[in-house]
């Protein structure tokens, strides 16, 4: 994997900031990259999340990524494959203004990628959410390849592997039964469904009730 084009430090100097310019007095830092490049978030202190969207009331919050940033999960990298402005925030410290922005542009003179309008990544779910047992979700691939889906707890630890196998191009559905790798029922709490496939890596939040 190519090196990240820019890095956000998460909670430097015990602050409620995503910092990319080395100046903690900047209210909301912005990173500017090009399509196909990646951003790295590096945890420093505290217990945070990295969640796309303008805030918890944003209906699009968490669709691209919604992951913990803690001592147990100190690094997160996301590759932006489309142009646009992508705000993000920390769920537990939203009221402190812990936010950032990634602006993604298309390099001049580069034509659009053929098939770029074909959906990849999550297409539905996880549902039901909240759930008292398990959840189902949908995803799609432009081309066949390896697909890995894992469930992480709030500390970023993998508690279950839903799938890890080669899948043909097209739309698919899969399900997590709400159990850990040992077969035990996962306790109530917040979990994260992480999906990785060719050209996509994203995370969805799951609220599990018992």
Foldseek 3Di string as FASTA:
>chain_A
DDDAPFEWECCPPVDLEGDGPPDPVPLAEEAEEAAFGKYKYFYDDDKWWKWKDPAPPGPCIQVFATAICHPLNGMDMFHHHDFDKIKIATHVCVVVSHIYIYGYHHDPPDDDDPPPPPFFAWPDDQPDAADAWKGKTKGFDPAKDWKWKFKAASSRHTFDTQDTGIDGGGMDMGMDGQAGPVRHHDAFDKMKIWMDDVPGTYIHIGGHHD
